[in-house]
């Protein structure tokens, strides 16, 4: 700023000197007869006027430069505000885009979780239906087994009683001895202990019937002899 004012003052002074010289030269020629005192007085007046004009020029130049500086300052401030506004707008756009993406991700995750839960619920329903189906099948099979066991028990008991009657009728004359007494007591005990699971006594029942039939055969052979 000081260098600019210095160059300005020098140029202004040069211009002022040229202007003063051109105006003072005719006066000098006209007043040459008046002597050296008059010339010195005119030169002093021109110097004072020159200084005054230089001061005015400097004031005007300084005011002009201050005006331009203020104008540039306002332009710079406007540019900075515009740039800051652009940056803020970009940040807002980026923030909104990031928020939108985050919302979309949350929605996608929630939808995926809902679909997984729905699929899992369907799998549980299918498992439950399958278990109920198997349970019904097993109950049906168990009922059939129990029915067969009851029928077998009934037939076995009837056969046993019939065999006892036949043996008693045939061997009334002889001293009665229990036929297959060991197996008889075992099968009776088995039926008492397994009244709901009579199939477990089927092996003993078969052995008992075989024993009774064998006793019959032996008896018939004895009579024939």
C-alpha atoms as a PDB file:
ATOM      1  CA  UNK A   1       0.000   0.000   0.000  1.00  0.00           C
ATOM      2  CA  UNK A   2       2.856   2.417   0.935  1.00  0.00           C
ATOM      3  CA  UNK A   3       4.788   1.529  -2.236  1.00  0.00           C
ATOM      4  CA  UNK A   4       1.670   2.189  -4.334  1.00  0.00           C
ATOM      5  CA  UNK A   5       1.084   5.554  -2.698  1.00  0.00           C
ATOM      6  CA  UNK A   6       4.766   6.447  -3.173  1.00  0.00           C
ATOM      7  CA  UNK A   7       4.689   5.670  -6.883  1.00  0.00           C
ATOM      8  CA  UNK A   8       1.382   7.506  -7.131  1.00  0.00           C
ATOM      9  CA  UNK A   9       2.789  10.589  -5.431  1.00  0.00           C
ATOM     10  CA  UNK A  10       5.845  10.546  -7.647  1.00  0.00           C
ATOM     11  CA  UNK A  11       3.801  10.326 -10.832  1.00  0.00           C
ATOM     12  CA  UNK A  12       1.414  13.007  -9.613  1.00  0.00           C
ATOM     13  CA  UNK A  13       4.335  15.261  -8.709  1.00  0.00           C
ATOM     14  CA  UNK A  14       5.885  14.723 -12.120  1.00  0.00           C
ATOM     15  CA  UNK A  15       2.638  15.601 -13.846  1.00  0.00           C
ATOM     16  CA  UNK A  16       2.143  18.618 -11.637  1.00  0.00           C
ATOM     17  CA  UNK A  17       5.676  19.789 -12.304  1.00  0.00           C
ATOM     18  CA  UNK A  18       5.178  19.507 -16.038  1.00  0.00           C
ATOM     19  CA  UNK A  19       1.926  21.414 -15.766  1.00  0.00           C
ATOM     20  CA  UNK A  20       3.529  24.089 -13.591  1.00  0.00           C
ATOM     21  CA  UNK A  21       6.523  24.409 -15.891  1.00  0.00           C
ATOM     22  CA  UNK A  22       4.365  24.901 -18.948  1.00  0.00           C
ATOM     23  CA  UNK A  23       2.304  27.582 -17.225  1.00  0.00           C
ATOM     24  CA  UNK A  24       5.217  29.229 -15.499  1.00  0.00           C
ATOM     25  CA  UNK A  25       7.466  29.510 -18.581  1.00  0.00           C
ATOM     26  CA  UNK A  26       5.481  32.380 -20.285  1.00  0.00           C
ATOM     27  CA  UNK A  27       5.183  34.170 -16.989  1.00  0.00           C
ATOM     28  CA  UNK A  28       8.914  33.834 -16.544  1.00  0.00           C
ATOM     29  CA  UNK A  29       9.530  35.333 -19.953  1.00  0.00           C
ATOM     30  CA  UNK A  30       7.103  38.168 -19.285  1.00  0.00           C
ATOM     31  CA  UNK A  31       8.548  38.871 -15.868  1.00  0.00           C
ATOM     32  CA  UNK A  32      12.229  38.437 -16.682  1.00  0.00           C
ATOM     33  CA  UNK A  33      12.643  42.141 -16.546  1.00  0.00           C
ATOM     34  CA  UNK A  34      11.383  42.273 -12.997  1.00  0.00           C
ATOM     35  CA  UNK A  35      14.412  40.328 -11.738  1.00  0.00           C
ATOM     36  CA  UNK A  36      15.287  37.266  -9.696  1.00  0.00           C
ATOM     37  CA  UNK A  37      13.163  38.111  -6.655  1.00  0.00           C
ATOM     38  CA  UNK A  38       9.939  37.837  -8.634  1.00  0.00           C
ATOM     39  CA  UNK A  39      10.967  34.438 -10.082  1.00  0.00           C
ATOM     40  CA  UNK A  40      11.703  32.978  -6.681  1.00  0.00           C
ATOM     41  CA  UNK A  41       8.384  34.156  -5.341  1.00  0.00           C
ATOM     42  CA  UNK A  42       6.492  32.543  -8.259  1.00  0.00           C
ATOM     43  CA  UNK A  43       8.313  29.278  -7.780  1.00  0.00           C
ATOM     44  CA  UNK A  44       7.343  29.148  -4.117  1.00  0.00           C
ATOM     45  CA  UNK A  45       3.693  29.644  -5.006  1.00  0.00           C
ATOM     46  CA  UNK A  46       3.820  26.853  -7.593  1.00  0.00           C
ATOM     47  CA  UNK A  47       5.378  24.430  -5.070  1.00  0.00           C
ATOM     48  CA  UNK A  48       2.634  25.080  -2.533  1.00  0.00           C
ATOM     49  CA  UNK A  49      -0.035  24.577  -5.169  1.00  0.00           C
ATOM     50  CA  UNK A  50       1.670  21.411  -6.313  1.00  0.00           C
ATOM     51  CA  UNK A  51       1.747  19.977  -2.800  1.00  0.00           C
ATOM     52  CA  UNK A  52      -1.901  20.804  -2.353  1.00  0.00           C
ATOM     53  CA  UNK A  53      -2.873  19.098  -5.583  1.00  0.00           C
ATOM     54  CA  UNK A  54      -0.709  16.100  -4.733  1.00  0.00           C
ATOM     55  CA  UNK A  55      -2.428  15.781  -1.370  1.00  0.00           C
ATOM     56  CA  UNK A  56      -5.829  15.975  -3.071  1.00  0.00           C
ATOM     57  CA  UNK A  57      -4.843  13.367  -5.647  1.00  0.00           C
ATOM     58  CA  UNK A  58      -3.547  11.081  -2.919  1.00  0.00           C
ATOM     59  CA  UNK A  59      -6.740  11.444  -0.937  1.00  0.00           C
ATOM     60  CA  UNK A  60      -8.852  10.664  -3.990  1.00  0.00           C
ATOM     61  CA  UNK A  61      -6.664   7.704  -4.928  1.00  0.00           C
ATOM     62  CA  UNK A  62      -6.764   6.352  -1.396  1.00  0.00           C
ATOM     63  CA  UNK A  63     -10.564   6.694  -1.297  1.00  0.00           C
ATOM     64  CA  UNK A  64     -10.823   4.953  -4.681  1.00  0.00           C
ATOM     65  CA  UNK A  65      -8.602   2.118  -3.524  1.00  0.00           C
ATOM     66  CA  UNK A  66     -10.506   1.779  -0.272  1.00  0.00           C
ATOM     67  CA  UNK A  67     -13.736   1.586  -2.261  1.00  0.00           C
ATOM     68  CA  UNK A  68     -12.237  -1.077  -4.519  1.00  0.00           C
ATOM     69  CA  UNK A  69     -10.925  -2.939  -1.463  1.00  0.00           C
ATOM     70  CA  UNK A  70     -14.339  -2.903   0.145  1.00  0.00           C
ATOM     71  CA  UNK A  71     -15.865  -4.043  -3.128  1.00  0.00           C
ATOM     72  CA  UNK A  72     -13.361  -6.904  -3.405  1.00  0.00           C
ATOM     73  CA  UNK A  73     -13.924  -7.738   0.238  1.00  0.00           C
ATOM     74  CA  UNK A  74     -17.666  -7.985  -0.333  1.00  0.00           C
ATOM     75  CA  UNK A  75     -17.078 -10.083  -3.435  1.00  0.00           C
ATOM     76  CA  UNK A  76     -14.743 -12.367  -1.482  1.00  0.00           C
ATOM     77  CA  UNK A  77     -17.237 -12.626   1.352  1.00  0.00           C
ATOM     78  CA  UNK A  78     -19.985 -13.481  -1.140  1.00  0.00           C
ATOM     79  CA  UNK A  79     -17.737 -16.062  -2.792  1.00  0.00           C
ATOM     80  CA  UNK A  80     -16.896 -17.595   0.591  1.00  0.00           C
ATOM     81  CA  UNK A  81     -20.583 -17.679   1.559  1.00  0.00           C
ATOM     82  CA  UNK A  82     -21.442 -19.286  -1.778  1.00  0.00           C
ATOM     83  CA  UNK A  83     -18.711 -21.888  -1.375  1.00  0.00           C
ATOM     84  CA  UNK A  84     -19.752 -22.609   2.203  1.00  0.00           C
ATOM     85  CA  UNK A  85     -23.358 -22.931   1.021  1.00  0.00           C
ATOM     86  CA  UNK A  86     -22.266 -25.369  -1.704  1.00  0.00           C
ATOM     87  CA  UNK A  87     -20.280 -27.416   0.798  1.00  0.00           C
ATOM     88  CA  UNK A  88     -23.203 -27.462   3.230  1.00  0.00           C
ATOM     89  CA  UNK A  89     -25.584 -28.432   0.425  1.00  0.00           C
ATOM     90  CA  UNK A  90     -23.288 -31.285  -0.621  1.00  0.00           C
ATOM     91  CA  UNK A  91     -23.017 -32.407   3.001  1.00  0.00           C
ATOM     92  CA  UNK A  92     -26.805 -32.266   3.387  1.00  0.00           C
ATOM     93  CA  UNK A  93     -27.256 -34.237   0.181  1.00  0.00           C
ATOM     94  CA  UNK A  94     -24.670 -36.806   1.293  1.00  0.00           C
ATOM     95  CA  UNK A  95     -26.268 -37.003   4.730  1.00  0.00           C
ATOM     96  CA  UNK A  96     -29.741 -37.461   3.231  1.00  0.00           C
ATOM     97  CA  UNK A  97     -28.418 -40.116   0.856  1.00  0.00           C
ATOM     98  CA  UNK A  98     -26.657 -41.899   3.709  1.00  0.00           C
ATOM     99  CA  UNK A  99     -29.819 -41.732   5.809  1.00  0.00           C
ATOM    100  CA  UNK A 100     -31.910 -43.052   2.919  1.00  0.00           C
ATOM    101  CA  UNK A 101     -29.498 -45.938   2.406  1.00  0.00           C
ATOM    102  CA  UNK A 102     -29.526 -46.709   6.114  1.00  0.00           C
ATOM    103  CA  UNK A 103     -33.339 -46.735   6.105  1.00  0.00           C
ATOM    104  CA  UNK A 104     -33.368 -49.036   3.074  1.00  0.00           C
ATOM    105  CA  UNK A 105     -30.888 -51.376   4.765  1.00  0.00           C
ATOM    106  CA  UNK A 106     -33.004 -51.454   7.909  1.00  0.00           C
ATOM    107  CA  UNK A 107     -36.127 -52.181   5.896  1.00  0.00           C
ATOM    108  CA  UNK A 108     -34.371 -54.924   3.943  1.00  0.00           C
ATOM    109  CA  UNK A 109     -33.051 -56.481   7.161  1.00  0.00           C
ATOM    110  CA  UNK A 110     -36.504 -56.307   8.765  1.00  0.00           C
ATOM    111  CA  UNK A 111     -38.107 -57.883   5.692  1.00  0.00           C
ATOM    112  CA  UNK A 112     -35.493 -60.638   5.636  1.00  0.00           C
ATOM    113  CA  UNK A 113     -36.052 -61.313   9.338  1.00  0.00           C
ATOM    114  CA  UNK A 114     -39.824 -61.412   8.772  1.00  0.00           C
ATOM    115  CA  UNK A 115     -39.446 -63.908   5.942  1.00  0.00           C
ATOM    116  CA  UNK A 116     -37.111 -66.058   8.046  1.00  0.00           C
ATOM    117  CA  UNK A 117     -39.574 -66.009  10.934  1.00  0.00           C
ATOM    118  CA  UNK A 118     -42.453 -66.883   8.613  1.00  0.00           C
ATOM    119  CA  UNK A 119     -40.470 -69.742   7.064  1.00  0.00           C
ATOM    120  CA  UNK A 120     -39.485 -71.026  10.504  1.00  0.00           C
ATOM    121  CA  UNK A 121     -43.113 -70.859  11.650  1.00  0.00           C
ATOM    122  CA  UNK A 122     -44.171 -72.891   8.608  1.00  0.00           C
ATOM    123  CA  UNK A 123     -41.491 -75.464   9.350  1.00  0.00           C
ATOM    124  CA  UNK A 124     -42.719 -75.719  12.942  1.00  0.00           C
ATOM    125  CA  UNK A 125     -46.304 -76.181  11.746  1.00  0.00           C
ATOM    126  CA  UNK A 126     -45.217 -78.926   9.356  1.00  0.00           C
ATOM    127  CA  UNK A 127     -43.220 -80.632  12.121  1.00  0.00           C
ATOM    128  CA  UNK A 128     -46.198 -80.388  14.451  1.00  0.00           C
ATOM    129  CA  UNK A 129     -48.527 -81.896  11.841  1.00  0.00           C
ATOM    130  CA  UNK A 130     -46.040 -84.675  11.159  1.00  0.00           C
ATOM    131  CA  UNK A 131     -45.663 -85.425  14.874  1.00  0.00           C
ATOM    132  CA  UNK A 132     -49.413 -85.505  15.331  1.00  0.00           C
ATOM    133  CA  UNK A 133     -49.726 -87.828  12.363  1.00  0.00           C
ATOM    134  CA  UNK A 134     -47.074 -90.167  13.771  1.00  0.00           C
ATOM    135  CA  UNK A 135     -48.676 -90.015  17.200  1.00  0.00           C
ATOM    136  CA  UNK A 136     -52.061 -90.983  15.750  1.00  0.00           C
ATOM    137  CA  UNK A 137     -50.434 -93.824  13.806  1.00  0.00           C
ATOM    138  CA  UNK A 138     -48.647 -95.144  16.891  1.00  0.00           C
ATOM    139  CA  UNK A 139     -51.807 -94.895  18.962  1.00  0.00           C
ATOM    140  CA  UNK A 140     -53.681 -96.824  16.299  1.00  0.00           C
ATOM    141  CA  UNK A 141     -50.992 -99.511  16.182  1.00  0.00           C
ATOM    142  CA  UNK A 142     -50.939 -99.705  19.972  1.00  0.00           C
ATOM    143  CA  UNK A 143     -54.717-100.085  20.067  1.00  0.00           C
ATOM    144  CA  UNK A 144     -54.523-102.905  17.535  1.00  0.00           C
ATOM    145  CA  UNK A 145     -51.785-104.622  19.510  1.00  0.00           C
ATOM    146  CA  UNK A 146     -53.778-104.300  22.701  1.00  0.00           C
ATOM    147  CA  UNK A 147     -56.845-105.693  20.933  1.00  0.00           C
ATOM    148  CA  UNK A 148     -54.861-108.629  19.577  1.00  0.00           C
ATOM    149  CA  UNK A 149     -53.317-109.203  22.977  1.00  0.00           C
ATOM    150  CA  UNK A 150     -56.749-109.234  24.566  1.00  0.00           C
ATOM    151  CA  UNK A 151     -58.007-111.690  21.960  1.00  0.00           C
ATOM    152  CA  UNK A 152     -54.945-113.866  22.399  1.00  0.00           C
ATOM    153  CA  UNK A 153     -55.357-113.742  26.149  1.00  0.00           C
ATOM    154  CA  UNK A 154     -59.007-114.700  25.811  1.00  0.00           C
ATOM    155  CA  UNK A 155     -58.246-117.586  23.453  1.00  0.00           C
ATOM    156  CA  UNK A 156     -55.350-118.772  25.575  1.00  0.00           C
ATOM    157  CA  UNK A 157     -57.478-118.672  28.710  1.00  0.00           C
ATOM    158  CA  UNK A 158     -60.312-120.523  27.019  1.00  0.00           C
ATOM    159  CA  UNK A 159     -57.915-123.132  25.670  1.00  0.00           C
ATOM    160  CA  UNK A 160     -56.363-123.506  29.069  1.00  0.00           C
ATOM    161  CA  UNK A 161     -59.717-123.964  30.745  1.00  0.00           C
ATOM    162  CA  UNK A 162     -60.839-126.421  28.069  1.00  0.00           C
ATOM    163  CA  UNK A 163     -57.643-128.380  28.419  1.00  0.00           C
ATOM    164  CA  UNK A 164     -58.089-128.523  32.159  1.00  0.00           C
ATOM    165  CA  UNK A 165     -61.656-129.765  31.781  1.00  0.00           C
ATOM    166  CA  UNK A 166     -60.613-132.426  29.305  1.00  0.00           C
ATOM    167  CA  UNK A 167     -57.800-133.618  31.478  1.00  0.00           C
ATOM    168  CA  UNK A 168     -60.029-133.678  34.540  1.00  0.00           C
ATOM    169  CA  UNK A 169     -62.719-135.601  32.669  1.00  0.00           C
ATOM    170  CA  UNK A 170     -60.277-138.176  31.337  1.00  0.00           C
ATOM    171  CA  UNK A 171     -58.378-138.738  34.501  1.00  0.00           C
ATOM    172  CA  UNK A 172     -61.154-138.680  37.077  1.00  0.00           C
ATOM    173  CA  UNK A 173     -60.411-142.259  38.060  1.00  0.00           C
ATOM    174  CA  UNK A 174     -56.822-141.540  38.737  1.00  0.00           C
ATOM    175  CA  UNK A 175     -55.281-139.468  41.358  1.00  0.00           C
ATOM    176  CA  UNK A 176     -55.233-136.028  39.970  1.00  0.00           C
ATOM    177  CA  UNK A 177     -51.904-134.384  39.644  1.00  0.00           C
ATOM    178  CA  UNK A 178     -51.542-130.933  38.181  1.00  0.00           C
ATOM    179  CA  UNK A 179     -50.461-131.093  34.565  1.00  0.00           C
ATOM    180  CA  UNK A 180     -47.437-128.956  33.835  1.00  0.00           C
ATOM    181  CA  UNK A 181     -47.829-127.350  37.225  1.00  0.00           C
ATOM    182  CA  UNK A 182     -44.599-125.433  36.982  1.00  0.00           C
ATOM    183  CA  UNK A 183     -45.566-123.799  33.700  1.00  0.00           C
ATOM    184  CA  UNK A 184     -49.103-123.291  34.932  1.00  0.00           C
ATOM    185  CA  UNK A 185     -47.980-121.283  37.944  1.00  0.00           C
ATOM    186  CA  UNK A 186     -45.537-119.309  35.825  1.00  0.00           C
ATOM    187  CA  UNK A 187     -48.123-118.376  33.208  1.00  0.00           C
ATOM    188  CA  UNK A 188     -50.668-117.368  35.817  1.00  0.00           C
ATOM    189  CA  UNK A 189     -48.088-115.208  37.534  1.00  0.00           C
ATOM    190  CA  UNK A 190     -47.109-113.643  34.182  1.00  0.00           C
ATOM    191  CA  UNK A 191     -50.718-112.768  33.350  1.00  0.00           C
ATOM    192  CA  UNK A 192     -51.164-111.210  36.764  1.00  0.00           C
ATOM    193  CA  UNK A 193     -48.026-109.110  36.458  1.00  0.00           C
ATOM    194  CA  UNK A 194     -48.635-108.113  32.816  1.00  0.00           C
ATOM    195  CA  UNK A 195     -52.374-107.716  32.623  1.00  0.00           C
ATOM    196  CA  UNK A 196     -52.024-104.879  30.038  1.00  0.00           C
ATOM    197  CA  UNK A 197     -49.184-106.435  28.094  1.00  0.00           C
ATOM    198  CA  UNK A 198     -50.240-110.049  27.684  1.00  0.00           C
ATOM    199  CA  UNK A 199     -48.078-110.516  24.619  1.00  0.00           C
ATOM    200  CA  UNK A 200     -45.087-110.811  26.896  1.00  0.00           C
ATOM    201  CA  UNK A 201     -46.620-114.055  28.232  1.00  0.00           C
ATOM    202  CA  UNK A 202     -47.146-115.632  24.816  1.00  0.00           C
ATOM    203  CA  UNK A 203     -43.956-117.695  25.001  1.00  0.00           C
ATOM    204  CA  UNK A 204     -44.980-119.237  28.340  1.00  0.00           C
ATOM    205  CA  UNK A 205     -48.469-119.879  27.000  1.00  0.00           C
ATOM    206  CA  UNK A 206     -47.065-121.704  23.999  1.00  0.00           C
ATOM    207  CA  UNK A 207     -44.820-123.790  26.235  1.00  0.00           C
ATOM    208  CA  UNK A 208     -47.762-124.580  28.483  1.00  0.00           C
ATOM    209  CA  UNK A 209     -49.971-125.671  25.576  1.00  0.00           C
ATOM    210  CA  UNK A 210     -47.163-127.801  24.214  1.00  0.00           C
ATOM    211  CA  UNK A 211     -46.755-129.374  27.630  1.00  0.00           C
ATOM    212  CA  UNK A 212     -50.482-130.080  27.921  1.00  0.00           C
ATOM    213  CA  UNK A 213     -50.618-131.602  24.447  1.00  0.00           C
ATOM    214  CA  UNK A 214     -47.622-133.738  25.225  1.00  0.00           C
ATOM    215  CA  UNK A 215     -49.323-134.920  28.431  1.00  0.00           C
ATOM    216  CA  UNK A 216     -52.427-135.844  26.429  1.00  0.00           C
ATOM    217  CA  UNK A 217     -50.381-137.853  23.995  1.00  0.00           C
ATOM    218  CA  UNK A 218     -48.616-139.654  26.795  1.00  0.00           C
ATOM    219  CA  UNK A 219     -51.941-140.403  28.409  1.00  0.00           C
ATOM    220  CA  UNK A 220     -53.398-141.804  25.205  1.00  0.00           C
ATOM    221  CA  UNK A 221     -50.323-143.916  24.639  1.00  0.00           C
ATOM    222  CA  UNK A 222     -50.610-145.258  28.169  1.00  0.00           C
ATOM    223  CA  UNK A 223     -54.219-146.283  27.628  1.00  0.00           C
ATOM    224  CA  UNK A 224     -53.430-147.941  24.371  1.00  0.00           C
ATOM    225  CA  UNK A 225     -50.634-149.953  25.967  1.00  0.00           C
END
